[in-house]
Amino acid sequence: MRNTALKEKLIKEIEEMPTEKVREVVSFVSYLSLKEDTWFIDLVNKRTRLAEADRKAGKKFTTLKELQKEYK
């Protein structure tokens, strides 16, 4: 499929979505743009190194399920 055909298909599908889904699409597009920025990549790498050091030092990490339970 050509680039313009893909864009037209995407626009058509977005136009048919409920507002909440459109917000999700916009957020996802923003995320895709963000994750390509050098500062974001550097931040993720730095946080990963810190987390690895903390794990080796025996620090406890909260699981996603534990976090979700707290916020329900």
PDB file of N, CA and C in Angstrom:
ATOM      1  N   MET A   1       0.841  -1.180   0.000  1.00  0.00           N
ATOM      2  CA  MET A   1       0.000   0.000   0.000  1.00  0.00           C
ATOM      3  C   MET A   1       0.887   1.245   0.000  1.00  0.00           C
ATOM      4  N   ARG A   2       0.528   2.200  -0.808  1.00  0.00           N
ATOM      5  CA  ARG A   2       1.318   3.428  -0.864  1.00  0.00           C
ATOM      6  C   ARG A   2       1.120   4.250   0.398  1.00  0.00           C
ATOM      7  N   ASN A   3       2.079   5.131   0.656  1.00  0.00           N
ATOM      8  CA  ASN A   3       2.054   5.961   1.857  1.00  0.00           C
ATOM      9  C   ASN A   3       0.772   6.781   1.953  1.00  0.00           C
ATOM     10  N   THR A   4       0.355   7.411   0.850  1.00  0.00           N
ATOM     11  CA  THR A   4      -0.861   8.232   0.890  1.00  0.00           C
ATOM     12  C   THR A   4      -2.092   7.372   1.146  1.00  0.00           C
ATOM     13  N   ALA A   5      -2.133   6.187   0.595  1.00  0.00           N
ATOM     14  CA  ALA A   5      -3.265   5.292   0.824  1.00  0.00           C
ATOM     15  C   ALA A   5      -3.330   4.889   2.300  1.00  0.00           C
ATOM     16  N   LEU A   6      -2.177   4.637   2.890  1.00  0.00           N
ATOM     17  CA  LEU A   6      -2.138   4.299   4.318  1.00  0.00           C
ATOM     18  C   LEU A   6      -2.634   5.455   5.172  1.00  0.00           C
ATOM     19  N   LYS A   7      -2.177   6.661   4.843  1.00  0.00           N
ATOM     20  CA  LYS A   7      -2.615   7.842   5.602  1.00  0.00           C
ATOM     21  C   LYS A   7      -4.115   8.049   5.471  1.00  0.00           C
ATOM     22  N   GLU A   8      -4.641   7.884   4.262  1.00  0.00           N
ATOM     23  CA  GLU A   8      -6.078   8.049   4.049  1.00  0.00           C
ATOM     24  C   GLU A   8      -6.868   7.003   4.837  1.00  0.00           C
ATOM     25  N   LYS A   9      -6.381   5.778   4.850  1.00  0.00           N
ATOM     26  CA  LYS A   9      -7.042   4.713   5.606  1.00  0.00           C
ATOM     27  C   LYS A   9      -7.022   5.034   7.093  1.00  0.00           C
ATOM     28  N   LEU A  10      -5.879   5.485   7.582  1.00  0.00           N
ATOM     29  CA  LEU A  10      -5.751   5.838   8.989  1.00  0.00           C
ATOM     30  C   LEU A  10      -6.713   6.969   9.359  1.00  0.00           C
ATOM     31  N   ILE A  11      -6.760   7.997   8.543  1.00  0.00           N
ATOM     32  CA  ILE A  11      -7.650   9.135   8.802  1.00  0.00           C
ATOM     33  C   ILE A  11      -9.111   8.676   8.823  1.00  0.00           C
ATOM     34  N   LYS A  12      -9.481   7.836   7.877  1.00  0.00           N
ATOM     35  CA  LYS A  12     -10.857   7.335   7.828  1.00  0.00           C
ATOM     36  C   LYS A  12     -11.196   6.555   9.093  1.00  0.00           C
ATOM     37  N   GLU A  13     -10.288   5.688   9.519  1.00  0.00           N
ATOM     38  CA  GLU A  13     -10.537   4.897  10.715  1.00  0.00           C
ATOM     39  C   GLU A  13     -10.599   5.780  11.964  1.00  0.00           C
ATOM     40  N   ILE A  14      -9.743   6.785  12.031  1.00  0.00           N
ATOM     41  CA  ILE A  14      -9.758   7.695  13.182  1.00  0.00           C
ATOM     42  C   ILE A  14     -11.058   8.477  13.225  1.00  0.00           C
ATOM     43  N   GLU A  15     -11.542   8.909  12.072  1.00  0.00           N
ATOM     44  CA  GLU A  15     -12.788   9.670  12.014  1.00  0.00           C
ATOM     45  C   GLU A  15     -13.976   8.858  12.534  1.00  0.00           C
ATOM     46  N   GLU A  16     -13.907   7.543  12.417  1.00  0.00           N
ATOM     47  CA  GLU A  16     -15.008   6.681  12.846  1.00  0.00           C
ATOM     48  C   GLU A  16     -14.894   6.256  14.313  1.00  0.00           C
ATOM     49  N   MET A  17     -13.784   6.595  14.966  1.00  0.00           N
ATOM     50  CA  MET A  17     -13.566   6.184  16.350  1.00  0.00           C
ATOM     51  C   MET A  17     -14.262   7.116  17.334  1.00  0.00           C
ATOM     52  N   PRO A  18     -14.636   6.560  18.497  1.00  0.00           N
ATOM     53  CA  PRO A  18     -15.146   7.424  19.566  1.00  0.00           C
ATOM     54  C   PRO A  18     -14.017   8.330  20.080  1.00  0.00           C
ATOM     55  N   THR A  19     -14.388   9.425  20.690  1.00  0.00           N
ATOM     56  CA  THR A  19     -13.417  10.422  21.152  1.00  0.00           C
ATOM     57  C   THR A  19     -12.324   9.820  22.039  1.00  0.00           C
ATOM     58  N   GLU A  20     -12.697   8.940  22.940  1.00  0.00           N
ATOM     59  CA  GLU A  20     -11.709   8.350  23.856  1.00  0.00           C
ATOM     60  C   GLU A  20     -10.649   7.558  23.089  1.00  0.00           C
ATOM     61  N   LYS A  21     -11.056   6.833  22.077  1.00  0.00           N
ATOM     62  CA  LYS A  21     -10.103   6.068  21.262  1.00  0.00           C
ATOM     63  C   LYS A  21      -9.186   7.006  20.480  1.00  0.00           C
ATOM     64  N   VAL A  22      -9.728   8.120  20.005  1.00  0.00           N
ATOM     65  CA  VAL A  22      -8.905   9.105  19.290  1.00  0.00           C
ATOM     66  C   VAL A  22      -7.831   9.646  20.230  1.00  0.00           C
ATOM     67  N   ARG A  23      -8.212   9.911  21.483  1.00  0.00           N
ATOM     68  CA  ARG A  23      -7.224  10.374  22.475  1.00  0.00           C
ATOM     69  C   ARG A  23      -6.108   9.343  22.658  1.00  0.00           C
ATOM     70  N   GLU A  24      -6.488   8.069  22.700  1.00  0.00           N
ATOM     71  CA  GLU A  24      -5.492   7.002  22.840  1.00  0.00           C
ATOM     72  C   GLU A  24      -4.547   6.979  21.640  1.00  0.00           C
ATOM     73  N   VAL A  25      -5.093   7.159  20.446  1.00  0.00           N
ATOM     74  CA  VAL A  25      -4.274   7.181  19.227  1.00  0.00           C
ATOM     75  C   VAL A  25      -3.282   8.346  19.287  1.00  0.00           C
ATOM     76  N   VAL A  26      -3.779   9.517  19.672  1.00  0.00           N
ATOM     77  CA  VAL A  26      -2.910  10.699  19.762  1.00  0.00           C
ATOM     78  C   VAL A  26      -1.813  10.471  20.802  1.00  0.00           C
ATOM     79  N   SER A  27      -2.164   9.899  21.938  1.00  0.00           N
ATOM     80  CA  SER A  27      -1.167   9.604  22.974  1.00  0.00           C
ATOM     81  C   SER A  27      -0.116   8.627  22.462  1.00  0.00           C
ATOM     82  N   PHE A  28      -0.568   7.609  21.736  1.00  0.00           N
ATOM     83  CA  PHE A  28       0.362   6.618  21.212  1.00  0.00           C
ATOM     84  C   PHE A  28       1.303   7.236  20.182  1.00  0.00           C
ATOM     85  N   VAL A  29       0.770   8.080  19.316  1.00  0.00           N
ATOM     86  CA  VAL A  29       1.610   8.757  18.314  1.00  0.00           C
ATOM     87  C   VAL A  29       2.644   9.639  19.028  1.00  0.00           C
ATOM     88  N   SER A  30       2.215  10.335  20.080  1.00  0.00           N
ATOM     89  CA  SER A  30       3.149  11.159  20.855  1.00  0.00           C
ATOM     90  C   SER A  30       4.240  10.295  21.477  1.00  0.00           C
ATOM     91  N   TYR A  31       3.837   9.134  21.998  1.00  0.00           N
ATOM     92  CA  TYR A  31       4.803   8.211  22.583  1.00  0.00           C
ATOM     93  C   TYR A  31       5.809   7.740  21.536  1.00  0.00           C
ATOM     94  N   LEU A  32       5.330   7.388  20.354  1.00  0.00           N
ATOM     95  CA  LEU A  32       6.229   6.926  19.293  1.00  0.00           C
ATOM     96  C   LEU A  32       7.248   8.006  18.931  1.00  0.00           C
ATOM     97  N   SER A  33       6.799   9.247  18.875  1.00  0.00           N
ATOM     98  CA  SER A  33       7.715  10.356  18.564  1.00  0.00           C
ATOM     99  C   SER A  33       8.707  10.553  19.701  1.00  0.00           C
ATOM    100  N   LEU A  34       8.201  10.489  20.929  1.00  0.00           N
ATOM    101  CA  LEU A  34       9.031  10.715  22.109  1.00  0.00           C
ATOM    102  C   LEU A  34      10.140   9.681  22.220  1.00  0.00           C
ATOM    103  N   LYS A  35       9.804   8.410  22.000  1.00  0.00           N
ATOM    104  CA  LYS A  35      10.794   7.356  22.223  1.00  0.00           C
ATOM    105  C   LYS A  35      11.952   7.399  21.229  1.00  0.00           C
ATOM    106  N   GLU A  36      11.862   8.233  20.215  1.00  0.00           N
ATOM    107  CA  GLU A  36      12.963   8.383  19.267  1.00  0.00           C
ATOM    108  C   GLU A  36      13.910   9.515  19.658  1.00  0.00           C
ATOM    109  N   ASP A  37      13.496  10.348  20.613  1.00  0.00           N
ATOM    110  CA  ASP A  37      14.337  11.468  21.037  1.00  0.00           C
ATOM    111  C   ASP A  37      15.539  10.962  21.829  1.00  0.00           C
ATOM    112  N   THR A  38      16.686  11.549  21.561  1.00  0.00           N
ATOM    113  CA  THR A  38      17.924  11.134  22.217  1.00  0.00           C
ATOM    114  C   THR A  38      17.836  11.269  23.727  1.00  0.00           C
ATOM    115  N   TRP A  39      17.267  12.367  24.220  1.00  0.00           N
ATOM    116  CA  TRP A  39      17.197  12.568  25.672  1.00  0.00           C
ATOM    117  C   TRP A  39      16.365  11.475  26.330  1.00  0.00           C
ATOM    118  N   PHE A  40      15.316  10.993  25.655  1.00  0.00           N
ATOM    119  CA  PHE A  40      14.481   9.940  26.210  1.00  0.00           C
ATOM    120  C   PHE A  40      15.232   8.618  26.251  1.00  0.00           C
ATOM    121  N   ILE A  41      15.941   8.326  25.178  1.00  0.00           N
ATOM    122  CA  ILE A  41      16.748   7.095  25.130  1.00  0.00           C
ATOM    123  C   ILE A  41      17.808   7.120  26.224  1.00  0.00           C
ATOM    124  N   ASP A  42      18.472   8.268  26.390  1.00  0.00           N
ATOM    125  CA  ASP A  42      19.478   8.407  27.444  1.00  0.00           C
ATOM    126  C   ASP A  42      18.863   8.220  28.833  1.00  0.00           C
ATOM    127  N   LEU A  43      17.676   8.792  29.037  1.00  0.00           N
ATOM    128  CA  LEU A  43      16.985   8.659  30.321  1.00  0.00           C
ATOM    129  C   LEU A  43      16.654   7.198  30.614  1.00  0.00           C
ATOM    130  N   VAL A  44      16.110   6.498  29.624  1.00  0.00           N
ATOM    131  CA  VAL A  44      15.760   5.085  29.815  1.00  0.00           C
ATOM    132  C   VAL A  44      17.014   4.257  30.114  1.00  0.00           C
ATOM    133  N   ASN A  45      18.099   4.510  29.395  1.00  0.00           N
ATOM    134  CA  ASN A  45      19.339   3.778  29.641  1.00  0.00           C
ATOM    135  C   ASN A  45      19.872   4.047  31.048  1.00  0.00           C
ATOM    136  N   LYS A  46      19.816   5.301  31.474  1.00  0.00           N
ATOM    137  CA  LYS A  46      20.288   5.668  32.813  1.00  0.00           C
ATOM    138  C   LYS A  46      19.439   4.979  33.880  1.00  0.00           C
ATOM    139  N   ARG A  47      18.105   5.033  33.705  1.00  0.00           N
ATOM    140  CA  ARG A  47      17.214   4.411  34.690  1.00  0.00           C
ATOM    141  C   ARG A  47      17.409   2.895  34.730  1.00  0.00           C
ATOM    142  N   THR A  48      17.685   2.294  33.574  1.00  0.00           N
ATOM    143  CA  THR A  48      17.926   0.853  33.524  1.00  0.00           C
ATOM    144  C   THR A  48      19.185   0.496  34.295  1.00  0.00           C
ATOM    145  N   ARG A  49      20.251   1.277  34.095  1.00  0.00           N
ATOM    146  CA  ARG A  49      21.501   1.024  34.835  1.00  0.00           C
ATOM    147  C   ARG A  49      21.281   1.166  36.336  1.00  0.00           C
ATOM    148  N   LEU A  50      20.536   2.194  36.750  1.00  0.00           N
ATOM    149  CA  LEU A  50      20.254   2.395  38.173  1.00  0.00           C
ATOM    150  C   LEU A  50      19.429   1.237  38.741  1.00  0.00           C
ATOM    151  N   ALA A  51      18.433   0.791  37.993  1.00  0.00           N
ATOM    152  CA  ALA A  51      17.598  -0.323  38.441  1.00  0.00           C
ATOM    153  C   ALA A  51      18.414  -1.604  38.569  1.00  0.00           C
ATOM    154  N   GLU A  52      19.314  -1.851  37.620  1.00  0.00           N
ATOM    155  CA  GLU A  52      20.165  -3.041  37.699  1.00  0.00           C
ATOM    156  C   GLU A  52      21.063  -2.984  38.931  1.00  0.00           C
ATOM    157  N   ALA A  53      21.613  -1.810  39.210  1.00  0.00           N
ATOM    158  CA  ALA A  53      22.465  -1.650  40.395  1.00  0.00           C
ATOM    159  C   ALA A  53      21.640  -1.858  41.665  1.00  0.00           C
ATOM    160  N   ASP A  54      20.445  -1.297  41.708  1.00  0.00           N
ATOM    161  CA  ASP A  54      19.574  -1.463  42.880  1.00  0.00           C
ATOM    162  C   ASP A  54      19.195  -2.925  43.084  1.00  0.00           C
ATOM    163  N   ARG A  55      18.894  -3.607  41.991  1.00  0.00           N
ATOM    164  CA  ARG A  55      18.521  -5.025  42.097  1.00  0.00           C
ATOM    165  C   ARG A  55      19.686  -5.850  42.648  1.00  0.00           C
ATOM    166  N   LYS A  56      20.900  -5.570  42.152  1.00  0.00           N
ATOM    167  CA  LYS A  56      22.083  -6.276  42.644  1.00  0.00           C
ATOM    168  C   LYS A  56      22.330  -5.974  44.115  1.00  0.00           C
ATOM    169  N   ALA A  57      21.954  -4.764  44.548  1.00  0.00           N
ATOM    170  CA  ALA A  57      22.137  -4.370  45.946  1.00  0.00           C
ATOM    171  C   ALA A  57      21.029  -4.930  46.840  1.00  0.00           C
ATOM    172  N   GLY A  58      20.073  -5.626  46.251  1.00  0.00           N
ATOM    173  CA  GLY A  58      19.028  -6.275  47.028  1.00  0.00           C
ATOM    174  C   GLY A  58      17.793  -5.429  47.277  1.00  0.00           C
ATOM    175  N   LYS A  59      17.656  -4.318  46.592  1.00  0.00           N
ATOM    176  CA  LYS A  59      16.471  -3.484  46.761  1.00  0.00           C
ATOM    177  C   LYS A  59      15.236  -4.194  46.231  1.00  0.00           C
ATOM    178  N   LYS A  60      14.085  -3.968  46.914  1.00  0.00           N
ATOM    179  CA  LYS A  60      12.837  -4.575  46.482  1.00  0.00           C
ATOM    180  C   LYS A  60      12.179  -3.701  45.418  1.00  0.00           C
ATOM    181  N   PHE A  61      11.647  -4.351  44.391  1.00  0.00           N
ATOM    182  CA  PHE A  61      10.946  -3.652  43.328  1.00  0.00           C
ATOM    183  C   PHE A  61       9.458  -3.966  43.421  1.00  0.00           C
ATOM    184  N   THR A  62       8.637  -2.970  43.179  1.00  0.00           N
ATOM    185  CA  THR A  62       7.195  -3.147  43.174  1.00  0.00           C
ATOM    186  C   THR A  62       6.775  -3.683  41.811  1.00  0.00           C
ATOM    187  N   THR A  63       5.961  -4.727  41.831  1.00  0.00           N
ATOM    188  CA  THR A  63       5.497  -5.296  40.570  1.00  0.00           C
ATOM    189  C   THR A  63       4.352  -4.454  40.007  1.00  0.00           C
ATOM    190  N   LEU A  64       4.085  -4.635  38.737  1.00  0.00           N
ATOM    191  CA  LEU A  64       2.985  -3.928  38.090  1.00  0.00           C
ATOM    192  C   LEU A  64       1.662  -4.292  38.755  1.00  0.00           C
ATOM    193  N   LYS A  65       1.476  -5.550  39.095  1.00  0.00           N
ATOM    194  CA  LYS A  65       0.236  -5.983  39.755  1.00  0.00           C
ATOM    195  C   LYS A  65       0.062  -5.292  41.104  1.00  0.00           C
ATOM    196  N   GLU A  66       1.160  -5.142  41.848  1.00  0.00           N
ATOM    197  CA  GLU A  66       1.090  -4.452  43.142  1.00  0.00           C
ATOM    198  C   GLU A  66       0.689  -2.985  42.954  1.00  0.00           C
ATOM    199  N   LEU A  67       1.268  -2.338  41.945  1.00  0.00           N
ATOM    200  CA  LEU A  67       0.924  -0.948  41.670  1.00  0.00           C
ATOM    201  C   LEU A  67      -0.537  -0.800  41.257  1.00  0.00           C
ATOM    202  N   GLN A  68      -0.985  -1.690  40.385  1.00  0.00           N
ATOM    203  CA  GLN A  68      -2.366  -1.628  39.932  1.00  0.00           C
ATOM    204  C   GLN A  68      -3.333  -1.850  41.083  1.00  0.00           C
ATOM    205  N   LYS A  69      -2.980  -2.731  41.998  1.00  0.00           N
ATOM    206  CA  LYS A  69      -3.829  -3.005  43.161  1.00  0.00           C
ATOM    207  C   LYS A  69      -3.966  -1.747  44.015  1.00  0.00           C
ATOM    208  N   GLU A  70      -2.892  -0.990  44.181  1.00  0.00           N
ATOM    209  CA  GLU A  70      -2.906   0.229  44.989  1.00  0.00           C
ATOM    210  C   GLU A  70      -3.779   1.304  44.385  1.00  0.00           C
ATOM    211  N   TYR A  71      -3.861   1.372  43.068  1.00  0.00           N
ATOM    212  CA  TYR A  71      -4.568   2.455  42.405  1.00  0.00           C
ATOM    213  C   TYR A  71      -5.994   2.146  42.010  1.00  0.00           C
ATOM    214  N   LYS A  72      -6.485   0.967  42.417  1.00  0.00           N
ATOM    215  CA  LYS A  72      -7.893   0.616  42.094  1.00  0.00           C
ATOM    216  C   LYS A  72      -8.821   1.130  43.154  1.00  0.00           C
TER     217      LYS A  72
END
